[in-house]
Amino acid sequence: MTRVRHTIGGAGAPLAAHLDLPARPPLGLALLAHCFTCSKDHRATTRTARGLTARGIGVLRLDFTGLGESGGEFGDSTFSMNVEDLVRAADWLRAEVGAPTLLVGHSLGGAAVIAAASRIPEVRAVATIGAPFSPDHVTHLFDPHPFDGARPEIEVGGTAVVHIGGRPFQVRRAFLDDIADQPQHSRLAALDRPLLVLHAPDDDIVDVGNARSILDAAGPTASFVALDGADHLLTRPADADRVAAIIAAWAAPYLDQAQLDRTAPEPGTVEVSENGVGRFTQRIRTAQHEWSADEPPSAGGLGSAPDPYQLLLSALGACTTMTMRMYAERKGWDLRRSTVTLTHDKLHAADCVSCETDTGRLDRIVRAIHLDGDLDDTQRAALLAIADRCPVHRTLHSEIVVETDAV
């Protein structure tokens, strides 16, 4: 799995986000919304993202405005701003990586993905975890409780400090007015995508009755899974992983079908194709293996995989260690382990005393070899000499013909 940090700009405060990508090209991309006053780094959010990524789904998770590493002030934010944050994150994901096809929201984040779904046209499925039917349910979390104790202060001064999970948060009248004015029932009734509702029957923060209200409003396109034994915040790691497994299995039929092609290339053939994730990310396949290539962010890529020159260096390095291993075993020498470190750069031909070319610039690969074992100087010298005879090394020093055909 590759995790890349991003900052999403545009209108509003900058949003901090993590993009988790599987080692293989993703089956689809998900946008994950965290619980109320949580963050993208909350344990449940992180574990759910990792679980989805382990099952082949790329996940973008972000901090809502005023939370975590994102800019802005929580006291100035509203539920509608959270929805705008999701739409802005989807726009960024579409432009930089690929459009999200799955929305996942935990607690109030579940209510937010329901509200955002109609504004992200590529979304094919929505999943909620312990979500309230109405966003104003969050006032039950405020301390002092009941919240009516702080309401007069807001009515007079426009703001009050409440405590959620032991942490102080400033709440303004605009926040309360906004969550009370959300048409969740009509949004659910108009939701034209499959909806998965996951809820713990013993949830003591958001009562499971909220799940029933969501299902009733959404109609026959909604499905329910009871998270028996789980708590609202998915405190146990096994519960977050179970949630990820359920969502991944349920969402599979709705993910990008183009990514599901698993017809292997012919033996002896390497197939490289753009996988639709980011500008430069490539899917590389042989008859038995699959991996990726990308460019670093400085070159316009995501940095999600080695770049082409790193792959070239890895081929030379692997061939070098394999050749020395075979030679040492044939000689019966005590080579316990070899390590090859390689770098690539450019140099002026005039600066190369051993090169035939004396004009322009040349590629230079520097290869450092470390040999670990009970070897004398003669054996070490022989292994270094045999390194220059590895097949990839010889290919790089040979005249190479590349034939290109259009098919």
Protein backbone atom coordinates (compact mmCIF):
# COMPACT_ATOMS: atom_id res chain seq x y z
CA MET A 1 0.00 0.00 0.00
CA THR A 2 1.16 3.53 -0.83
CA ARG A 3 0.05 6.55 1.19
CA VAL A 4 0.47 10.00 -0.31
CA ARG A 5 -0.22 13.27 1.54
CA HIS A 6 -2.06 15.99 -0.36
CA THR A 7 -3.44 19.46 0.26
CA ILE A 8 -6.66 20.27 -1.56
CA GLY A 9 -6.92 23.95 -2.44
CA GLY A 10 -9.58 25.97 -4.19
CA ALA A 11 -12.44 27.89 -2.60
CA GLY A 12 -12.44 27.66 1.16
CA ALA A 13 -9.76 26.60 3.61
CA PRO A 14 -7.03 24.21 2.43
CA LEU A 15 -7.98 20.61 3.19
CA ALA A 16 -5.41 18.05 4.34
CA ALA A 17 -5.90 14.59 2.84
CA HIS A 18 -4.31 11.17 2.59
CA LEU A 19 -4.61 9.07 -0.54
CA ASP A 20 -4.14 5.35 0.13
CA LEU A 21 -3.52 3.26 -2.99
CA PRO A 22 -3.15 -0.53 -3.20
CA ALA A 23 0.02 -2.07 -4.59
CA ARG A 24 -1.90 -3.09 -7.70
CA PRO A 25 -4.02 -0.74 -9.81
CA PRO A 26 -7.19 -0.08 -7.78
CA LEU A 27 -10.52 -1.66 -8.56
CA GLY A 28 -12.09 1.72 -7.81
CA LEU A 29 -11.69 4.88 -5.75
CA ALA A 30 -13.53 5.72 -2.54
CA LEU A 31 -14.00 9.00 -0.68
CA LEU A 32 -14.11 8.43 3.10
CA ALA A 33 -15.70 10.93 5.52
CA HIS A 34 -14.76 10.77 9.21
CA CYS A 35 -17.02 11.00 12.26
CA PHE A 36 -18.07 14.25 13.96
CA THR A 37 -15.09 16.20 15.43
CA CYS A 38 -12.79 13.32 14.42
CA SER A 39 -10.18 13.48 11.65
CA LYS A 40 -8.74 11.51 8.77
CA ASP A 41 -6.24 10.06 11.27
CA HIS A 42 -8.86 8.81 13.73
CA ARG A 43 -8.26 5.13 14.42
CA ALA A 44 -11.56 3.97 12.93
CA THR A 45 -11.03 6.09 9.80
CA THR A 46 -7.45 4.92 9.34
CA ARG A 47 -8.28 1.25 9.89
CA THR A 48 -11.28 1.34 7.57
CA ALA A 49 -9.20 3.03 4.85
CA ARG A 50 -6.42 0.47 5.23
CA GLY A 51 -8.93 -2.38 5.12
CA LEU A 52 -10.49 -1.08 1.90
CA THR A 53 -7.07 -0.50 0.35
CA ALA A 54 -5.94 -4.01 1.29
CA ARG A 55 -8.94 -5.24 -0.72
CA GLY A 56 -7.98 -3.30 -3.82
CA ILE A 57 -9.85 0.00 -3.35
CA GLY A 58 -8.03 3.34 -3.36
CA VAL A 59 -9.21 5.67 -0.58
CA LEU A 60 -9.03 9.44 -0.20
CA ARG A 61 -9.73 10.58 3.38
CA LEU A 62 -9.65 14.22 4.36
CA ASP A 63 -9.94 16.45 7.39
CA PHE A 64 -13.04 18.61 7.29
CA THR A 65 -12.57 22.37 7.62
CA GLY A 66 -11.27 23.31 11.07
CA LEU A 67 -10.34 19.76 12.05
CA GLY A 68 -7.11 17.79 12.01
CA GLU A 69 -4.53 19.34 9.69
CA SER A 70 -7.01 21.27 7.53
CA GLY A 71 -7.25 25.03 7.60
CA GLY A 72 -10.09 27.14 8.94
CA GLU A 73 -11.81 27.24 12.30
CA PHE A 74 -14.24 24.59 13.50
CA GLY A 75 -16.40 27.31 15.06
CA ASP A 76 -16.92 28.83 11.61
CA SER A 77 -17.82 25.54 9.95
CA THR A 78 -21.23 23.99 9.31
CA PHE A 79 -22.59 20.67 8.11
CA SER A 80 -23.16 22.25 4.69
CA MET A 81 -19.47 23.20 4.61
CA ASN A 82 -18.59 19.56 5.34
CA VAL A 83 -20.64 18.58 2.29
CA GLU A 84 -18.84 21.24 0.23
CA ASP A 85 -15.51 19.82 1.47
CA LEU A 86 -16.51 16.39 0.14
CA VAL A 87 -17.54 17.78 -3.22
CA ARG A 88 -14.29 19.74 -3.45
CA ALA A 89 -12.30 16.61 -2.56
CA ALA A 90 -14.17 14.67 -5.26
CA ASP A 91 -13.36 17.40 -7.81
CA TRP A 92 -9.69 17.22 -6.85
CA LEU A 93 -9.68 13.42 -7.01
CA ARG A 94 -11.36 13.47 -10.43
CA ALA A 95 -8.80 15.92 -11.83
CA GLU A 96 -5.66 14.44 -10.28
CA VAL A 97 -6.29 10.73 -9.91
CA GLY A 98 -9.70 9.53 -11.07
CA ALA A 99 -13.34 10.05 -10.16
CA PRO A 100 -14.61 8.43 -6.94
CA THR A 101 -17.14 5.65 -7.49
CA LEU A 102 -17.78 4.89 -3.82
CA LEU A 103 -18.67 7.16 -0.88
CA VAL A 104 -18.19 5.94 2.69
CA GLY A 105 -19.13 7.97 5.77
CA HIS A 106 -18.84 7.27 9.49
CA SER A 107 -21.34 8.80 11.95
CA LEU A 108 -22.05 12.42 10.88
CA GLY A 109 -19.75 11.72 7.93
CA GLY A 110 -22.39 9.21 6.85
CA ALA A 111 -25.02 11.93 6.78
CA ALA A 112 -22.56 14.10 4.81
CA VAL A 113 -21.93 11.50 2.08
CA ILE A 114 -25.70 11.06 1.66
CA ALA A 115 -25.99 14.82 1.17
CA ALA A 116 -23.02 14.94 -1.24
CA ALA A 117 -23.91 11.91 -3.39
CA SER A 118 -26.16 13.73 -5.86
CA ARG A 119 -23.39 16.26 -6.55
CA ILE A 120 -20.75 13.67 -7.50
CA PRO A 121 -22.10 12.09 -10.71
CA GLU A 122 -19.59 9.24 -10.94
CA VAL A 123 -20.55 7.78 -7.56
CA ARG A 124 -22.17 4.38 -7.99
CA ALA A 125 -22.64 3.32 -4.37
CA VAL A 126 -22.85 4.87 -0.89
CA ALA A 127 -22.10 3.22 2.47
CA THR A 128 -22.73 4.63 5.96
CA ILE A 129 -21.41 3.44 9.32
CA GLY A 130 -23.36 4.34 12.47
CA ALA A 131 -24.89 7.36 10.73
CA PRO A 132 -27.67 9.51 12.20
CA PHE A 133 -30.82 9.98 10.16
CA SER A 134 -30.78 13.72 10.83
CA PRO A 135 -27.57 15.76 11.24
CA ASP A 136 -28.99 17.65 14.25
CA HIS A 137 -28.64 14.41 16.22
CA VAL A 138 -25.10 15.59 17.07
CA THR A 139 -26.48 18.05 19.63
CA HIS A 140 -27.03 15.02 21.90
CA LEU A 141 -23.24 14.70 22.11
CA PHE A 142 -22.76 18.18 23.54
CA ASP A 143 -21.82 18.61 27.19
CA PRO A 144 -23.56 20.15 29.14
CA HIS A 145 -26.33 17.71 28.31
CA PRO A 146 -29.09 18.25 27.49
CA PHE A 147 -27.89 20.88 25.08
CA ASP A 148 -30.66 23.25 26.14
CA GLY A 149 -28.29 24.35 28.89
CA ALA A 150 -26.02 26.06 26.34
CA ARG A 151 -28.70 27.19 23.92
CA PRO A 152 -29.55 30.46 25.77
CA GLU A 153 -25.89 31.45 25.63
CA ILE A 154 -25.91 30.92 21.86
CA GLU A 155 -29.20 32.76 21.45
CA VAL A 156 -27.80 35.80 23.28
CA GLY A 157 -24.16 35.83 22.26
CA GLY A 158 -24.29 33.78 19.07
CA THR A 159 -21.73 31.24 20.31
CA ALA A 160 -20.92 28.85 23.16
CA VAL A 161 -18.20 26.39 24.08
CA VAL A 162 -19.38 22.78 24.40
CA HIS A 163 -17.42 19.65 25.16
CA ILE A 164 -17.47 16.59 22.92
CA GLY A 165 -15.54 13.56 24.09
CA GLY A 166 -13.86 15.73 26.71
CA ARG A 167 -12.58 18.27 24.16
CA PRO A 168 -13.85 21.89 23.93
CA PHE A 169 -15.41 23.09 20.68
CA GLN A 170 -16.91 26.44 19.85
CA VAL A 171 -20.41 26.17 18.38
CA ARG A 172 -22.14 29.07 16.69
CA ARG A 173 -25.79 29.73 15.95
CA ALA A 174 -25.09 29.24 12.22
CA PHE A 175 -24.05 25.65 12.89
CA LEU A 176 -27.27 24.86 14.76
CA ASP A 177 -29.45 26.56 12.17
CA ASP A 178 -27.67 24.67 9.40
CA ILE A 179 -27.99 21.17 10.84
CA ALA A 180 -31.65 21.79 11.64
CA ASP A 181 -32.33 22.75 8.03
CA GLN A 182 -30.98 19.65 6.25
CA PRO A 183 -33.52 17.81 4.03
CA GLN A 184 -32.12 14.34 4.64
CA HIS A 185 -35.45 12.57 4.10
CA SER A 186 -35.88 13.99 0.61
CA ARG A 187 -32.20 13.33 -0.19
CA LEU A 188 -32.58 9.69 0.75
CA ALA A 189 -35.83 9.36 -1.17
CA ALA A 190 -34.13 10.77 -4.27
CA LEU A 191 -30.92 8.73 -3.86
CA ASP A 192 -30.68 6.72 -7.07
CA ARG A 193 -27.64 4.68 -6.04
CA PRO A 194 -27.36 1.54 -3.92
CA LEU A 195 -26.99 2.35 -0.22
CA LEU A 196 -25.42 0.13 2.45
CA VAL A 197 -26.30 0.98 6.05
CA LEU A 198 -24.03 -0.54 8.71
CA HIS A 199 -24.99 0.01 12.34
CA ALA A 200 -24.24 -1.62 15.69
CA PRO A 201 -27.44 -2.73 17.44
CA ASP A 202 -25.97 -1.63 20.79
CA ASP A 203 -24.68 1.74 19.57
CA ASP A 204 -25.12 4.04 22.60
CA ILE A 205 -24.20 7.24 20.74
CA VAL A 206 -26.36 6.98 17.61
CA ASP A 207 -29.28 4.69 18.34
CA VAL A 208 -29.87 1.92 15.81
CA GLY A 209 -33.34 3.37 15.22
CA ASN A 210 -31.57 5.91 13.00
CA ALA A 211 -30.63 3.08 10.66
CA ARG A 212 -34.29 2.07 10.38
CA SER A 213 -35.26 5.65 9.51
CA ILE A 214 -32.55 5.80 6.82
CA LEU A 215 -33.67 2.49 5.32
CA ASP A 216 -37.33 3.52 5.30
CA ALA A 217 -36.55 6.82 3.56
CA ALA A 218 -34.19 5.29 0.99
CA GLY A 219 -36.49 2.47 -0.01
CA PRO A 220 -35.64 -0.81 -1.76
CA THR A 221 -32.19 0.23 -2.99
CA ALA A 222 -30.88 0.22 0.61
CA SER A 223 -29.37 -2.74 2.46
CA PHE A 224 -28.64 -3.21 6.17
CA VAL A 225 -25.88 -5.06 8.01
CA ALA A 226 -25.89 -5.28 11.81
CA LEU A 227 -22.45 -4.79 13.37
CA ASP A 228 -23.04 -7.09 16.32
CA GLY A 229 -20.63 -6.48 19.18
CA ALA A 230 -19.20 -3.23 17.77
CA ASP A 231 -19.39 0.19 19.39
CA HIS A 232 -20.05 3.48 17.65
CA LEU A 233 -16.39 4.44 17.16
CA LEU A 234 -15.30 0.94 16.05
CA THR A 235 -12.82 0.90 18.90
CA ARG A 236 -11.75 -2.68 18.31
CA PRO A 237 -9.47 -3.02 15.25
CA ALA A 238 -11.32 -6.17 14.20
CA ASP A 239 -14.58 -4.22 13.87
CA ALA A 240 -13.08 -1.64 11.51
CA ASP A 241 -11.56 -4.40 9.41
CA ARG A 242 -14.93 -6.20 9.36
CA VAL A 243 -16.58 -3.00 8.15
CA ALA A 244 -13.99 -2.65 5.37
CA ALA A 245 -14.46 -6.28 4.31
CA ILE A 246 -18.25 -5.93 4.18
CA ILE A 247 -18.14 -2.67 2.21
CA ALA A 248 -15.54 -3.97 -0.25
CA ALA A 249 -17.53 -7.14 -0.96
CA TRP A 250 -20.82 -5.27 -1.27
CA ALA A 251 -19.39 -2.51 -3.51
CA ALA A 252 -17.50 -4.81 -5.90
CA PRO A 253 -20.27 -5.01 -8.53
CA TYR A 254 -20.53 -1.21 -8.65
CA LEU A 255 -16.84 -0.41 -9.10
CA ASP A 256 -15.25 0.50 -12.40
CA GLN A 257 -15.64 -2.60 -14.55
CA ALA A 258 -12.72 -1.54 -16.74
CA GLN A 259 -10.44 -2.13 -13.75
CA LEU A 260 -11.67 -5.71 -13.31
CA ASP A 261 -9.92 -7.06 -16.42
CA ARG A 262 -7.59 -9.81 -15.26
CA THR A 263 -6.76 -11.51 -18.59
CA ALA A 264 -3.05 -12.23 -18.26
CA PRO A 265 -0.54 -11.42 -21.05
CA GLU A 266 1.18 -14.23 -22.89
CA PRO A 267 4.23 -15.81 -21.18
CA GLY A 268 7.38 -13.86 -21.93
CA THR A 269 5.42 -10.64 -22.55
CA VAL A 270 5.31 -7.50 -20.42
CA GLU A 271 2.19 -5.35 -20.79
CA VAL A 272 2.21 -1.71 -19.66
CA SER A 273 -0.98 0.33 -19.74
CA GLU A 274 -2.34 3.52 -18.21
CA ASN A 275 -4.69 2.56 -15.42
CA GLY A 276 -6.69 5.78 -15.22
CA VAL A 277 -5.38 6.71 -11.76
CA GLY A 278 -3.54 10.00 -11.95
CA ARG A 279 -1.67 11.34 -14.98
CA PHE A 280 1.18 8.85 -15.17
CA THR A 281 0.38 5.78 -13.06
CA GLN A 282 0.90 2.62 -15.10
CA ARG A 283 -0.28 -0.94 -14.69
CA ILE A 284 2.50 -3.40 -15.50
CA ARG A 285 1.66 -7.08 -15.96
CA THR A 286 3.25 -10.35 -16.96
CA ALA A 287 1.69 -13.79 -17.12
CA GLN A 288 2.12 -14.22 -13.34
CA HIS A 289 2.82 -10.85 -11.78
CA GLU A 290 1.48 -7.30 -11.60
CA TRP A 291 2.98 -4.05 -10.34
CA SER A 292 2.90 -0.30 -11.01
CA ALA A 293 4.97 2.64 -12.19
CA ASP A 294 4.47 6.36 -11.62
CA GLU A 295 6.27 9.69 -11.59
CA PRO A 296 7.05 11.71 -8.46
CA PRO A 297 4.82 14.70 -7.58
CA SER A 298 7.57 17.06 -8.78
CA ALA A 299 7.05 15.64 -12.29
CA GLY A 300 3.26 15.71 -12.13
CA GLY A 301 2.69 12.19 -10.82
CA LEU A 302 1.37 10.86 -7.53
CA GLY A 303 4.59 9.25 -6.33
CA SER A 304 2.58 6.07 -5.80
CA ALA A 305 5.12 3.69 -7.40
CA PRO A 306 8.72 3.64 -8.70
CA ASP A 307 9.46 5.83 -11.70
CA PRO A 308 10.81 4.28 -14.95
CA TYR A 309 14.46 4.93 -14.10
CA GLN A 310 14.03 3.40 -10.66
CA LEU A 311 12.58 0.32 -12.33
CA LEU A 312 15.58 0.24 -14.67
CA LEU A 313 17.98 0.51 -11.73
CA SER A 314 16.10 -2.21 -9.87
CA ALA A 315 16.46 -4.54 -12.86
CA LEU A 316 20.21 -3.99 -12.94
CA GLY A 317 20.51 -4.35 -9.18
CA ALA A 318 18.47 -7.55 -9.05
CA CYS A 319 20.38 -9.07 -11.96
CA THR A 320 23.67 -8.16 -10.25
CA THR A 321 22.86 -9.85 -6.94
CA MET A 322 21.38 -12.92 -8.66
CA THR A 323 24.47 -13.37 -10.82
CA MET A 324 26.83 -13.06 -7.85
CA ARG A 325 24.67 -15.51 -5.88
CA MET A 326 24.82 -18.16 -8.60
CA TYR A 327 28.59 -17.70 -9.01
CA ALA A 328 29.28 -17.88 -5.25
CA GLU A 329 27.18 -21.05 -4.88
CA ARG A 330 28.94 -22.69 -7.80
CA LYS A 331 32.31 -21.88 -6.21
CA GLY A 332 31.17 -22.89 -2.73
CA TRP A 333 32.03 -19.49 -1.26
CA ASP A 334 30.52 -18.09 1.95
CA LEU A 335 28.51 -15.20 0.50
CA ARG A 336 25.84 -14.63 3.11
CA ARG A 337 24.22 -11.58 1.55
CA SER A 338 24.88 -8.98 -1.13
CA THR A 339 23.40 -5.49 -1.33
CA VAL A 340 23.53 -3.26 -4.40
CA THR A 341 22.80 0.48 -4.21
CA LEU A 342 22.31 2.31 -7.51
CA THR A 343 21.88 5.92 -8.61
CA HIS A 344 21.30 7.49 -12.01
CA ASP A 345 22.25 10.93 -13.26
CA LYS A 346 23.55 12.80 -16.30
CA LEU A 347 27.05 14.11 -16.93
CA HIS A 348 28.82 15.99 -19.67
CA ALA A 349 30.63 13.65 -22.06
CA ALA A 350 33.72 15.84 -21.82
CA ASP A 351 33.93 14.98 -18.12
CA CYS A 352 34.04 11.21 -18.76
CA VAL A 353 37.61 10.05 -19.29
CA SER A 354 36.62 6.47 -20.20
CA CYS A 355 33.78 7.25 -22.65
CA GLU A 356 34.11 7.14 -26.43
CA THR A 357 31.65 10.01 -26.87
CA ASP A 358 33.15 13.42 -26.17
CA THR A 359 30.19 15.73 -26.87
CA GLY A 360 26.76 16.19 -25.32
CA ARG A 361 25.49 14.53 -22.14
CA LEU A 362 25.64 10.90 -21.08
CA ASP A 363 23.64 8.74 -18.69
CA ARG A 364 25.64 7.55 -15.69
CA ILE A 365 24.67 4.72 -13.36
CA VAL A 366 26.70 4.41 -10.16
CA ARG A 367 26.52 0.95 -8.60
CA ALA A 368 27.84 0.29 -5.08
CA ILE A 369 28.10 -3.37 -4.06
CA HIS A 370 28.33 -4.56 -0.46
CA LEU A 371 29.31 -8.20 0.13
CA ASP A 372 28.58 -9.78 3.50
CA GLY A 373 30.33 -13.07 4.20
CA ASP A 374 33.58 -14.80 5.06
CA LEU A 375 35.30 -13.88 1.79
CA ASP A 376 38.98 -13.19 1.08
CA ASP A 377 40.18 -10.38 -1.19
CA THR A 378 40.48 -12.67 -4.22
CA GLN A 379 36.92 -13.93 -3.85
CA ARG A 380 35.57 -10.41 -3.42
CA ALA A 381 37.39 -9.22 -6.53
CA ALA A 382 36.01 -12.15 -8.51
CA LEU A 383 32.44 -11.42 -7.41
CA LEU A 384 32.79 -7.75 -8.36
CA ALA A 385 34.11 -8.80 -11.76
CA ILE A 386 31.25 -11.24 -12.33
CA ALA A 387 28.78 -8.47 -11.49
CA ASP A 388 29.75 -6.78 -14.78
CA ARG A 389 28.76 -9.94 -16.62
CA CYS A 390 25.16 -10.07 -15.42
CA PRO A 391 22.75 -10.19 -18.40
CA VAL A 392 21.11 -6.82 -17.75
CA HIS A 393 24.49 -5.13 -17.36
CA ARG A 394 25.61 -6.62 -20.69
CA THR A 395 22.35 -5.53 -22.34
CA LEU A 396 22.82 -1.95 -21.18
CA HIS A 397 26.32 -1.96 -22.71
CA SER A 398 25.15 -3.52 -25.97
CA GLU A 399 23.66 -1.99 -29.07
CA ILE A 400 19.90 -2.21 -28.53
CA VAL A 401 17.22 -2.24 -31.21
CA VAL A 402 13.68 -1.24 -30.17
CA GLU A 403 11.06 -2.01 -32.81
CA THR A 404 7.70 -0.26 -32.46
CA ASP A 405 4.51 -1.43 -34.12
CA ALA A 406 0.99 -0.01 -34.01
CA VAL A 407 -1.58 -2.70 -33.18
